[in-house]
């Protein structure tokens, strides 16, 4: 199975970079992982709704240009379906059994995802009703994917 994490922006904080590298290394046992970053657009302070929509559109264009045909796209969105860790692992496993060989998780920038990206997604998931920095979500997503693989393979993982 191939898993791509398609995200807006670069990770600047060393501690996030280290966590992402660690989970990427752990995941190499279970899947072919690729992290694709697209540049974020600067959002001026006090930007109007129209400006924010333009920024999301520009970021959406960059995201859409990286999604390959035949990919199973899952958008991370605050209004998405919430899973517990076991359900999430089972969902990834089920997608593989259903023949989905390439899952693309999309993490938007600070303003969220463009409507076109959300429309393209076959499903939306949420890790919480709370808002998290998109840099942090990258690490949390990788940890949960790793945890899911461990669970469905019957391997121990601390609770």
N, C-alpha and C. Protein backbone atom coordinates (compact mmCIF):
# COMPACT_ATOMS: atom_id res chain seq x y z
N UNK A 1 0.85 -1.19 0.00
CA UNK A 1 0.00 0.00 0.00
C UNK A 1 0.89 1.24 0.00
N UNK A 2 0.46 2.22 -0.78
CA UNK A 2 1.14 3.52 -0.79
C UNK A 2 0.29 4.52 -0.04
N UNK A 3 0.96 5.29 0.80
CA UNK A 3 0.27 6.37 1.51
C UNK A 3 1.05 7.65 1.24
N UNK A 4 0.30 8.64 0.78
CA UNK A 4 0.88 9.97 0.57
C UNK A 4 0.22 10.93 1.54
N UNK A 5 1.04 11.72 2.20
CA UNK A 5 0.53 12.82 3.01
C UNK A 5 0.84 14.08 2.20
N UNK A 6 -0.21 14.70 1.70
CA UNK A 6 -0.10 15.89 0.86
C UNK A 6 -0.50 17.07 1.73
N UNK A 7 0.44 17.97 1.94
CA UNK A 7 0.19 19.02 2.92
C UNK A 7 0.70 20.38 2.45
N UNK A 8 0.09 21.39 3.01
CA UNK A 8 0.45 22.77 2.71
C UNK A 8 1.47 23.24 3.72
N UNK A 9 2.57 23.79 3.23
CA UNK A 9 3.57 24.40 4.10
C UNK A 9 4.68 23.46 4.53
N UNK A 10 5.75 24.07 4.96
CA UNK A 10 6.92 23.33 5.46
C UNK A 10 6.87 23.28 6.98
N UNK A 11 7.52 22.27 7.51
CA UNK A 11 7.65 22.16 8.97
C UNK A 11 8.91 22.91 9.39
N UNK A 12 8.76 23.86 10.27
CA UNK A 12 9.90 24.66 10.71
C UNK A 12 10.42 24.20 12.07
N UNK A 13 9.54 23.69 12.91
CA UNK A 13 9.92 23.32 14.27
C UNK A 13 10.68 22.00 14.26
N UNK A 14 11.86 22.01 14.85
CA UNK A 14 12.73 20.83 14.85
C UNK A 14 12.05 19.63 15.51
N UNK A 15 11.31 19.86 16.59
CA UNK A 15 10.68 18.75 17.30
C UNK A 15 9.61 18.07 16.45
N UNK A 16 8.89 18.81 15.61
CA UNK A 16 7.94 18.18 14.69
C UNK A 16 8.68 17.40 13.61
N UNK A 17 9.75 17.98 13.08
CA UNK A 17 10.55 17.30 12.05
C UNK A 17 11.05 15.96 12.58
N UNK A 18 11.55 15.96 13.81
CA UNK A 18 12.07 14.72 14.40
C UNK A 18 10.96 13.68 14.58
N UNK A 19 9.81 14.10 15.05
CA UNK A 19 8.68 13.19 15.22
C UNK A 19 8.21 12.62 13.90
N UNK A 20 8.11 13.46 12.89
CA UNK A 20 7.68 13.02 11.56
C UNK A 20 8.69 12.03 10.98
N UNK A 21 9.98 12.31 11.15
CA UNK A 21 11.00 11.38 10.67
C UNK A 21 10.91 10.03 11.37
N UNK A 22 10.67 10.06 12.67
CA UNK A 22 10.57 8.81 13.44
C UNK A 22 9.39 7.96 12.96
N UNK A 23 8.21 8.58 12.82
CA UNK A 23 7.05 7.80 12.38
C UNK A 23 7.17 7.39 10.92
N UNK A 24 7.81 8.19 10.10
CA UNK A 24 8.06 7.80 8.71
C UNK A 24 8.92 6.55 8.66
N UNK A 25 9.94 6.51 9.50
CA UNK A 25 10.83 5.35 9.56
C UNK A 25 10.05 4.12 10.03
N UNK A 26 9.25 4.27 11.07
CA UNK A 26 8.46 3.14 11.59
C UNK A 26 7.46 2.63 10.54
N UNK A 27 6.87 3.55 9.81
CA UNK A 27 5.86 3.16 8.81
C UNK A 27 6.45 2.43 7.61
N UNK A 28 7.75 2.57 7.38
CA UNK A 28 8.37 1.94 6.21
C UNK A 28 8.20 0.42 6.23
N UNK A 29 7.94 -0.15 7.39
CA UNK A 29 7.67 -1.58 7.53
C UNK A 29 6.32 -1.99 6.94
N UNK A 30 5.39 -1.05 6.90
CA UNK A 30 4.00 -1.37 6.57
C UNK A 30 3.52 -0.82 5.23
N UNK A 31 4.14 0.24 4.77
CA UNK A 31 3.66 0.88 3.56
C UNK A 31 4.78 1.70 2.92
N UNK A 32 4.53 2.12 1.71
CA UNK A 32 5.43 3.06 1.05
C UNK A 32 4.87 4.45 1.33
N UNK A 33 5.57 5.21 2.14
CA UNK A 33 5.09 6.53 2.57
C UNK A 33 5.80 7.63 1.78
N UNK A 34 5.01 8.59 1.37
CA UNK A 34 5.55 9.77 0.69
C UNK A 34 4.91 11.00 1.33
N UNK A 35 5.72 11.99 1.63
CA UNK A 35 5.20 13.26 2.13
C UNK A 35 5.47 14.30 1.06
N UNK A 36 4.40 14.93 0.59
CA UNK A 36 4.50 15.94 -0.46
C UNK A 36 4.03 17.26 0.13
N UNK A 37 4.91 18.24 0.08
CA UNK A 37 4.58 19.58 0.58
C UNK A 37 4.37 20.52 -0.59
N UNK A 38 3.34 21.34 -0.48
CA UNK A 38 3.16 22.43 -1.43
C UNK A 38 3.31 23.73 -0.65
N UNK A 39 3.86 24.77 -1.28
CA UNK A 39 4.07 26.02 -0.54
C UNK A 39 2.76 26.65 -0.08
N UNK A 40 2.80 27.21 1.11
CA UNK A 40 1.62 27.93 1.59
C UNK A 40 1.65 29.36 1.08
N UNK A 41 0.50 29.97 1.10
CA UNK A 41 0.36 31.37 0.70
C UNK A 41 0.33 32.21 1.97
N UNK A 42 0.99 33.34 1.94
CA UNK A 42 0.98 34.22 3.11
C UNK A 42 -0.40 34.85 3.26
N UNK A 43 -0.89 34.83 4.49
CA UNK A 43 -2.19 35.44 4.79
C UNK A 43 -1.94 36.74 5.55
N UNK A 44 -2.30 37.87 4.95
CA UNK A 44 -2.09 39.14 5.67
C UNK A 44 -3.00 39.22 6.89
N UNK A 45 -2.52 39.90 7.91
CA UNK A 45 -3.35 40.12 9.11
C UNK A 45 -4.62 40.85 8.71
N UNK A 46 -5.72 40.40 9.27
CA UNK A 46 -7.00 41.06 9.01
C UNK A 46 -7.50 40.86 7.59
N UNK A 47 -7.09 39.77 6.95
CA UNK A 47 -7.52 39.51 5.57
C UNK A 47 -9.03 39.35 5.50
N UNK A 48 -9.61 39.89 4.44
CA UNK A 48 -11.06 39.76 4.24
C UNK A 48 -11.39 38.32 3.85
N UNK A 49 -12.67 38.00 3.91
CA UNK A 49 -13.12 36.67 3.51
C UNK A 49 -12.78 36.40 2.04
N UNK A 50 -12.90 37.43 1.20
CA UNK A 50 -12.58 37.27 -0.22
C UNK A 50 -11.09 36.95 -0.42
N UNK A 51 -10.23 37.60 0.32
CA UNK A 51 -8.78 37.33 0.24
C UNK A 51 -8.50 35.91 0.73
N UNK A 52 -9.13 35.53 1.83
CA UNK A 52 -8.93 34.17 2.36
C UNK A 52 -9.38 33.12 1.34
N UNK A 53 -10.48 33.37 0.65
CA UNK A 53 -10.94 32.43 -0.38
C UNK A 53 -9.95 32.35 -1.54
N UNK A 54 -9.36 33.48 -1.91
CA UNK A 54 -8.34 33.48 -2.97
C UNK A 54 -7.12 32.68 -2.54
N UNK A 55 -6.72 32.84 -1.29
CA UNK A 55 -5.56 32.10 -0.77
C UNK A 55 -5.86 30.60 -0.78
N UNK A 56 -7.05 30.22 -0.30
CA UNK A 56 -7.41 28.79 -0.30
C UNK A 56 -7.47 28.25 -1.73
N UNK A 57 -7.92 29.07 -2.68
CA UNK A 57 -7.97 28.63 -4.08
C UNK A 57 -6.56 28.39 -4.61
N UNK A 58 -5.64 29.30 -4.33
CA UNK A 58 -4.25 29.13 -4.79
C UNK A 58 -3.63 27.87 -4.19
N UNK A 59 -3.84 27.68 -2.88
CA UNK A 59 -3.32 26.47 -2.24
C UNK A 59 -4.02 25.23 -2.81
N UNK A 60 -5.32 25.36 -3.06
CA UNK A 60 -6.07 24.25 -3.66
C UNK A 60 -5.54 23.88 -5.03
N UNK A 61 -5.19 24.87 -5.85
CA UNK A 61 -4.60 24.59 -7.17
C UNK A 61 -3.34 23.75 -7.02
N UNK A 62 -2.50 24.13 -6.06
CA UNK A 62 -1.23 23.40 -5.85
C UNK A 62 -1.51 21.97 -5.38
N UNK A 63 -2.47 21.81 -4.48
CA UNK A 63 -2.81 20.47 -3.98
C UNK A 63 -3.35 19.61 -5.12
N UNK A 64 -4.31 20.16 -5.86
CA UNK A 64 -4.94 19.38 -6.94
C UNK A 64 -3.93 18.95 -8.00
N UNK A 65 -2.91 19.75 -8.22
CA UNK A 65 -1.89 19.41 -9.23
C UNK A 65 -1.05 18.21 -8.80
N UNK A 66 -1.07 17.87 -7.52
CA UNK A 66 -0.25 16.77 -7.00
C UNK A 66 -1.03 15.47 -6.82
N UNK A 67 -2.34 15.51 -6.99
CA UNK A 67 -3.16 14.30 -6.80
C UNK A 67 -3.25 13.53 -8.11
N UNK A 68 -2.82 12.29 -8.06
CA UNK A 68 -2.82 11.44 -9.26
C UNK A 68 -4.16 10.73 -9.40
N UNK A 69 -4.55 10.50 -10.64
CA UNK A 69 -5.77 9.74 -10.91
C UNK A 69 -5.70 8.38 -10.23
N UNK A 70 -6.81 7.91 -9.73
CA UNK A 70 -6.86 6.60 -9.11
C UNK A 70 -6.51 6.60 -7.63
N UNK A 71 -6.15 7.76 -7.10
CA UNK A 71 -5.82 7.86 -5.67
C UNK A 71 -7.11 7.93 -4.86
N UNK A 72 -7.08 7.36 -3.68
CA UNK A 72 -8.20 7.47 -2.75
C UNK A 72 -7.88 8.63 -1.82
N UNK A 73 -8.58 9.73 -2.01
CA UNK A 73 -8.27 10.98 -1.30
C UNK A 73 -9.10 11.09 -0.03
N UNK A 74 -8.40 11.33 1.08
CA UNK A 74 -9.04 11.56 2.38
C UNK A 74 -8.58 12.93 2.86
N UNK A 75 -9.53 13.83 3.03
CA UNK A 75 -9.21 15.18 3.50
C UNK A 75 -9.35 15.25 5.02
N UNK A 76 -8.39 15.88 5.66
CA UNK A 76 -8.53 16.15 7.08
C UNK A 76 -9.31 17.45 7.22
N UNK A 77 -10.46 17.36 7.86
CA UNK A 77 -11.35 18.51 7.98
C UNK A 77 -12.06 18.43 9.31
N UNK A 78 -12.27 19.56 9.93
CA UNK A 78 -12.85 19.60 11.27
C UNK A 78 -14.26 18.99 11.29
N UNK A 79 -14.97 19.01 10.15
CA UNK A 79 -16.32 18.45 10.11
C UNK A 79 -16.33 17.01 9.58
N UNK A 80 -15.17 16.38 9.52
CA UNK A 80 -15.09 15.01 9.03
C UNK A 80 -15.50 13.99 10.07
N UNK A 81 -15.54 12.74 9.64
CA UNK A 81 -15.90 11.62 10.51
C UNK A 81 -14.77 11.38 11.51
N UNK A 82 -15.15 11.11 12.74
CA UNK A 82 -14.16 10.81 13.76
C UNK A 82 -14.12 9.30 14.02
N UNK A 83 -12.90 8.78 14.12
CA UNK A 83 -12.67 7.37 14.41
C UNK A 83 -11.88 7.25 15.71
N UNK A 84 -12.05 6.12 16.39
CA UNK A 84 -11.06 5.82 17.41
C UNK A 84 -9.91 5.11 16.71
N UNK A 85 -8.83 4.82 17.42
CA UNK A 85 -7.63 4.28 16.78
C UNK A 85 -7.88 2.91 16.14
N UNK A 86 -8.65 2.06 16.79
CA UNK A 86 -8.95 0.74 16.22
C UNK A 86 -9.76 0.90 14.94
N UNK A 87 -10.79 1.72 14.98
CA UNK A 87 -11.62 1.94 13.78
C UNK A 87 -10.81 2.53 12.64
N UNK A 88 -9.90 3.44 12.95
CA UNK A 88 -9.07 4.06 11.93
C UNK A 88 -8.16 3.02 11.27
N UNK A 89 -7.54 2.19 12.08
CA UNK A 89 -6.71 1.12 11.54
C UNK A 89 -7.52 0.17 10.67
N UNK A 90 -8.70 -0.19 11.14
CA UNK A 90 -9.58 -1.08 10.36
C UNK A 90 -10.01 -0.41 9.06
N UNK A 91 -10.22 0.88 9.08
CA UNK A 91 -10.62 1.61 7.87
C UNK A 91 -9.50 1.55 6.82
N UNK A 92 -8.27 1.79 7.24
CA UNK A 92 -7.14 1.72 6.31
C UNK A 92 -7.01 0.30 5.75
N UNK A 93 -7.14 -0.69 6.64
CA UNK A 93 -7.06 -2.09 6.19
C UNK A 93 -8.17 -2.40 5.19
N UNK A 94 -9.39 -1.96 5.48
CA UNK A 94 -10.53 -2.22 4.59
C UNK A 94 -10.31 -1.58 3.21
N UNK A 95 -9.76 -0.37 3.18
CA UNK A 95 -9.48 0.26 1.90
C UNK A 95 -8.51 -0.58 1.08
N UNK A 96 -7.50 -1.13 1.75
CA UNK A 96 -6.55 -2.01 1.05
C UNK A 96 -7.22 -3.25 0.51
N UNK A 97 -8.09 -3.86 1.31
CA UNK A 97 -8.82 -5.06 0.88
C UNK A 97 -9.74 -4.74 -0.29
N UNK A 98 -10.29 -3.53 -0.30
CA UNK A 98 -11.19 -3.11 -1.38
C UNK A 98 -10.42 -2.75 -2.65
N UNK A 99 -9.09 -2.84 -2.60
CA UNK A 99 -8.28 -2.59 -3.78
C UNK A 99 -7.74 -1.18 -3.91
N UNK A 100 -7.91 -0.39 -2.87
CA UNK A 100 -7.35 0.97 -2.91
C UNK A 100 -5.87 0.88 -2.54
N UNK A 101 -5.01 0.98 -3.53
CA UNK A 101 -3.58 0.78 -3.28
C UNK A 101 -2.84 2.07 -2.98
N UNK A 102 -3.52 3.22 -3.19
CA UNK A 102 -2.86 4.51 -2.94
C UNK A 102 -3.82 5.43 -2.21
N UNK A 103 -3.54 5.67 -0.94
CA UNK A 103 -4.34 6.58 -0.13
C UNK A 103 -3.58 7.90 -0.01
N UNK A 104 -4.29 8.98 -0.27
CA UNK A 104 -3.70 10.32 -0.14
C UNK A 104 -4.46 11.07 0.95
N UNK A 105 -3.76 11.36 2.04
CA UNK A 105 -4.31 12.20 3.10
C UNK A 105 -3.93 13.64 2.80
N UNK A 106 -4.91 14.55 2.82
CA UNK A 106 -4.64 15.95 2.49
C UNK A 106 -4.84 16.80 3.75
N UNK A 107 -3.78 17.56 4.07
CA UNK A 107 -3.82 18.48 5.21
C UNK A 107 -3.68 19.90 4.65
N UNK A 108 -4.67 20.72 4.89
CA UNK A 108 -4.65 22.09 4.37
C UNK A 108 -3.76 23.00 5.19
N UNK A 109 -3.72 24.24 4.78
CA UNK A 109 -2.97 25.27 5.48
C UNK A 109 -3.76 25.84 6.63
N UNK A 110 -3.33 26.98 7.11
CA UNK A 110 -3.95 27.58 8.29
C UNK A 110 -5.40 28.00 8.06
N UNK A 111 -5.80 28.18 6.81
CA UNK A 111 -7.19 28.57 6.51
C UNK A 111 -8.07 27.36 6.19
N UNK A 112 -7.48 26.19 6.13
CA UNK A 112 -8.25 24.99 5.77
C UNK A 112 -8.10 24.67 4.29
N UNK A 113 -9.01 23.84 3.80
CA UNK A 113 -8.94 23.36 2.42
C UNK A 113 -9.96 24.03 1.51
N UNK A 114 -9.56 24.22 0.27
CA UNK A 114 -10.43 24.75 -0.76
C UNK A 114 -11.58 23.76 -1.01
N UNK A 115 -12.75 24.29 -1.35
CA UNK A 115 -13.93 23.46 -1.58
C UNK A 115 -13.70 22.41 -2.67
N UNK A 116 -12.89 22.73 -3.68
CA UNK A 116 -12.63 21.77 -4.76
C UNK A 116 -11.88 20.54 -4.24
N UNK A 117 -10.99 20.77 -3.29
CA UNK A 117 -10.24 19.65 -2.70
C UNK A 117 -11.20 18.82 -1.85
N UNK A 118 -12.04 19.48 -1.07
CA UNK A 118 -13.01 18.77 -0.23
C UNK A 118 -13.99 17.97 -1.10
N UNK A 119 -14.36 18.52 -2.24
CA UNK A 119 -15.28 17.82 -3.15
C UNK A 119 -14.64 16.60 -3.79
N UNK A 120 -13.34 16.69 -4.06
CA UNK A 120 -12.62 15.58 -4.67
C UNK A 120 -12.42 14.43 -3.69
N UNK A 121 -12.33 14.75 -2.41
CA UNK A 121 -12.07 13.73 -1.39
C UNK A 121 -13.21 12.73 -1.34
N UNK A 122 -12.85 11.46 -1.24
CA UNK A 122 -13.86 10.41 -1.11
C UNK A 122 -14.40 10.36 0.31
N UNK A 123 -13.62 10.85 1.24
CA UNK A 123 -14.11 10.99 2.61
C UNK A 123 -13.32 12.07 3.33
N UNK A 124 -13.93 12.55 4.42
CA UNK A 124 -13.28 13.54 5.27
C UNK A 124 -13.19 12.94 6.67
N UNK A 125 -12.03 13.14 7.29
CA UNK A 125 -11.87 12.67 8.65
C UNK A 125 -11.44 13.83 9.54
N UNK A 126 -11.76 13.69 10.81
CA UNK A 126 -11.39 14.69 11.80
C UNK A 126 -10.79 13.97 13.00
N UNK A 127 -9.76 14.55 13.55
CA UNK A 127 -9.15 13.98 14.74
C UNK A 127 -9.73 14.59 16.02
N UNK A 128 -10.46 15.67 15.87
CA UNK A 128 -11.05 16.34 17.03
C UNK A 128 -11.91 17.49 16.53
N UNK A 129 -12.78 17.97 17.38
CA UNK A 129 -13.52 19.18 17.06
C UNK A 129 -12.66 20.41 17.30
N UNK A 130 -11.53 20.20 17.98
CA UNK A 130 -10.61 21.31 18.23
C UNK A 130 -9.78 21.59 16.98
N UNK A 131 -9.23 22.78 16.92
CA UNK A 131 -8.35 23.15 15.82
C UNK A 131 -6.91 22.95 16.26
N UNK A 132 -6.11 22.33 15.38
CA UNK A 132 -4.70 22.09 15.65
C UNK A 132 -3.86 22.75 14.57
N UNK A 133 -2.63 23.13 14.88
CA UNK A 133 -1.74 23.64 13.84
C UNK A 133 -1.53 22.54 12.79
N UNK A 134 -1.51 22.93 11.52
CA UNK A 134 -1.38 21.92 10.46
C UNK A 134 -0.05 21.18 10.55
N UNK A 135 0.98 21.83 11.09
CA UNK A 135 2.27 21.14 11.26
C UNK A 135 2.13 20.00 12.27
N UNK A 136 1.41 20.24 13.34
CA UNK A 136 1.21 19.22 14.36
C UNK A 136 0.37 18.07 13.81
N UNK A 137 -0.63 18.40 12.98
CA UNK A 137 -1.51 17.36 12.45
C UNK A 137 -0.75 16.36 11.58
N UNK A 138 0.30 16.80 10.94
CA UNK A 138 1.08 15.89 10.12
C UNK A 138 1.67 14.78 10.99
N UNK A 139 2.23 15.17 12.13
CA UNK A 139 2.81 14.18 13.03
C UNK A 139 1.72 13.31 13.67
N UNK A 140 0.63 13.91 14.07
CA UNK A 140 -0.46 13.14 14.68
C UNK A 140 -1.02 12.13 13.67
N UNK A 141 -1.20 12.55 12.44
CA UNK A 141 -1.70 11.64 11.40
C UNK A 141 -0.75 10.45 11.23
N UNK A 142 0.54 10.72 11.10
CA UNK A 142 1.50 9.63 10.91
C UNK A 142 1.50 8.68 12.11
N UNK A 143 1.40 9.22 13.31
CA UNK A 143 1.36 8.37 14.49
C UNK A 143 0.12 7.49 14.46
N UNK A 144 -1.01 8.03 14.08
CA UNK A 144 -2.24 7.24 14.06
C UNK A 144 -2.24 6.20 12.93
N UNK A 145 -1.66 6.53 11.80
CA UNK A 145 -1.53 5.53 10.72
C UNK A 145 -0.64 4.39 11.21
N UNK A 146 0.47 4.74 11.85
CA UNK A 146 1.37 3.72 12.40
C UNK A 146 0.64 2.86 13.44
N UNK A 147 -0.05 3.51 14.35
CA UNK A 147 -0.81 2.79 15.39
C UNK A 147 -1.83 1.87 14.73
N UNK A 148 -2.51 2.37 13.70
CA UNK A 148 -3.51 1.55 13.00
C UNK A 148 -2.91 0.31 12.38
N UNK A 149 -1.75 0.43 11.74
CA UNK A 149 -1.09 -0.74 11.16
C UNK A 149 -0.71 -1.73 12.25
N UNK A 150 -0.21 -1.23 13.38
CA UNK A 150 0.16 -2.13 14.48
C UNK A 150 -1.07 -2.88 15.00
N UNK A 151 -2.18 -2.17 15.15
CA UNK A 151 -3.39 -2.78 15.68
C UNK A 151 -3.90 -3.87 14.73
N UNK A 152 -4.04 -3.56 13.45
CA UNK A 152 -4.62 -4.54 12.52
C UNK A 152 -3.69 -5.73 12.28
N UNK A 153 -2.42 -5.56 12.55
CA UNK A 153 -1.48 -6.67 12.43
C UNK A 153 -1.33 -7.44 13.75
N UNK A 154 -2.13 -7.08 14.74
CA UNK A 154 -2.10 -7.78 16.02
C UNK A 154 -0.82 -7.57 16.80
N UNK A 155 -0.14 -6.48 16.53
CA UNK A 155 1.13 -6.19 17.20
C UNK A 155 0.88 -5.27 18.39
N UNK A 156 1.68 -5.41 19.43
CA UNK A 156 1.45 -4.58 20.61
C UNK A 156 1.81 -3.11 20.34
N UNK A 157 1.03 -2.27 20.96
CA UNK A 157 1.31 -0.84 20.91
C UNK A 157 0.69 -0.25 22.16
N UNK A 158 1.43 0.59 22.87
CA UNK A 158 0.92 1.08 24.14
C UNK A 158 -0.36 1.86 23.95
N UNK A 159 -1.23 1.74 24.97
CA UNK A 159 -2.55 2.37 24.90
C UNK A 159 -2.56 3.68 25.62
